[in-house]
Amino acid sequence: MVTLLGTQYDNLRREAVRALQSFSLDAGTLAQLLEGLSKDDNPMVRSEVLRTLDAVGTANPETIALLVGACNPPLEGNDMGGAYERNFERYLARKALENYPKELLAFIRSPQASQYATANLIWASQALPQEERETVFMDLWKKADNKELDEPTFIIVAGMLENKQVMKMMLPVLENVGKAQEHVSLTLDNLAKVQSKELTNAMIRPIGHLLKSGDMAQQNLGLEAIGKLGISSLRDNVVPFVNEDSSSETIKLAMLALVGQPEKNRAIFERIAKMENLELDLRIDAIQTLAKADIQAASKVINGMIPGLDQSQKQLVTRILSNSEEGSSLLKELFDSGVLSTEEFDLSSAEKILASDKEDARAIRLHNEVKNGIEEEKKAFESKLQRFMGIAEKGGGNPENGKKLFQTCLMCHRVGDQGQDFAPALDGSATRENEALLTAILNPDAAVESSYAVFRITKKDGNSMEGYLVKRDDRGTTLGFMGGSSQFVQASDIASQGFMGGRSFMPKGLIDNYSDEQVSDLLSFIKSLN
């Protein structure tokens, strides 16, 4: 066995390490056999050492030392040949240490631990039970020469802040305005892992510093943090950013920061709704929030706005306002008065309006008329499909021009290493039949895969969101949107959630207004995707 462990062949060394799990070896013998292999040039061998130490069920200071030695700080990126292996080995080492909490605690408290970097020991200590883990962390942090927080340590600290002793020790570090941008960024980048009232309170001072920095990027970061962390105490710091000279991005982030107090910020949202140089979706969002504070003021603004909008803009109005009970009330009023017709509502909007009050006669009538209209659309679809099939069967088309049109598809689909993962990859489209391809484009609901269906969250405040389900766990749900943006919703804010069966994330009508030449160009490019 010793000969196999020392062979020049990587696979044999790895399998020899694995085979040690079959022998009843004591921890001392294991440490002696594996010490050199724990530093093997081959990452597969090193990983197998960690798996074996995990599986054998026995440990002593020497085997614990091998595992702690593998808890090195992470490298940036996730590239094979360095960062990936380092991060994977950290995970395997900590997982193995979870089997040996008593031995690990004794090791950390022994003089032998002083030979290892504090970062290694902090990471390893996360394998201990909570109370011991927090005590060990405080002892290690006091001895550390480097008091800066890398990402893993920041996440570890954030998970301990309910401990008042940890909070008292770490608050000066977290509140350090010299690290404001770094700490606030780490908070937002890891929101689903770190969010807590303790961390939120610790970020108030750094966020306030960002808002006063005079740097637009830092100010926007601060505004984003206020909105996502729900900080109301910085309201007066946010209000000055709502002005005609602010960028759309800044206005959007300021709205997010103020939306939690609609009554207090009523005049601000009314002012935003009337900013004619602002994007329509932001103005509608402002009306929706205004409606929560003053439905009559919101009604007056939206009634003055609608006559100047085209049909696509009116459809945007219905999609956004239908996401809240107050917005749905406005839409029912607009529909009942004839300001909006069924042509401006899709089925999703009509369903949400009906869900806001299932006894409302206006909502019932709207929903029925929209459903009937969809049935008529299905009949019209067959005619439309035949038109596009004729174009497809002729062939031709300029794939270079089609590639430009195809960029819209990459907002949700992926081809090779380009695009997003919110819809099926389009590699291999060259082999698809014309009818199947055109049906997927013209009527995406007809061929939607269950995992790519629209996912809807209804929040406890009555608002709802729809998008692509990125992640869902005990902490909450993350939705993705066209273009790659995403938003996390805490589980405590969710009333209900689920896939909308048969409803594609892909909007309809993407090529309805294309000329025959454009359709031909687009299809020629799609059919080149092998």
Foldseek 3Di string as FASTA:
>chain_A
DLCQCPDPDPVSVLVVLLCVLVDLDAQVVLLVSCVVQCVDPDLSSVLSSLVSLLRNLHHALSSLVSLLVLLDDADPDCDPPHRVSSVVSNVSSLNSLLSPQPRLLVNCPDPVVVVDALSSNLSNLVSHPDVSNVVSNVVSCVVHPDNADDLVNLLVLLVNCVPVVSLVVCLCVLLVLVCLVVSLVSCVVCVLRRQDPSSLVSNPNNLLSQLVVPDPVSNLSSLQSLLQNVPPVCLVSLLVQQDPPHDLSSLQSSCSNCLVPLQVCLVSLLVLLPNPVHDLLSNLVSLLSNLVNPLVSSLVSVVVVLVVDDLQSLLSSLVQLLQFLSSLVSVLVCPVVPSDDLSSYALVSLVSSCVSPVVDPSSVVSNVVNVVVVVVVVVVVVVVLVVLVVLVVVADAAQVLLVVLCVQVLLQEDADPGRHPLAYHLAPLLPDDSSVVVCCQAPVLVPGDQQNAWKKFQWPNRGMDIAHWPDQDQQFTKGAAGNGDIDTDGPVGTPDMDGDRSHGRDDHDSCVPPDSNNSSNNVNNSSVRD
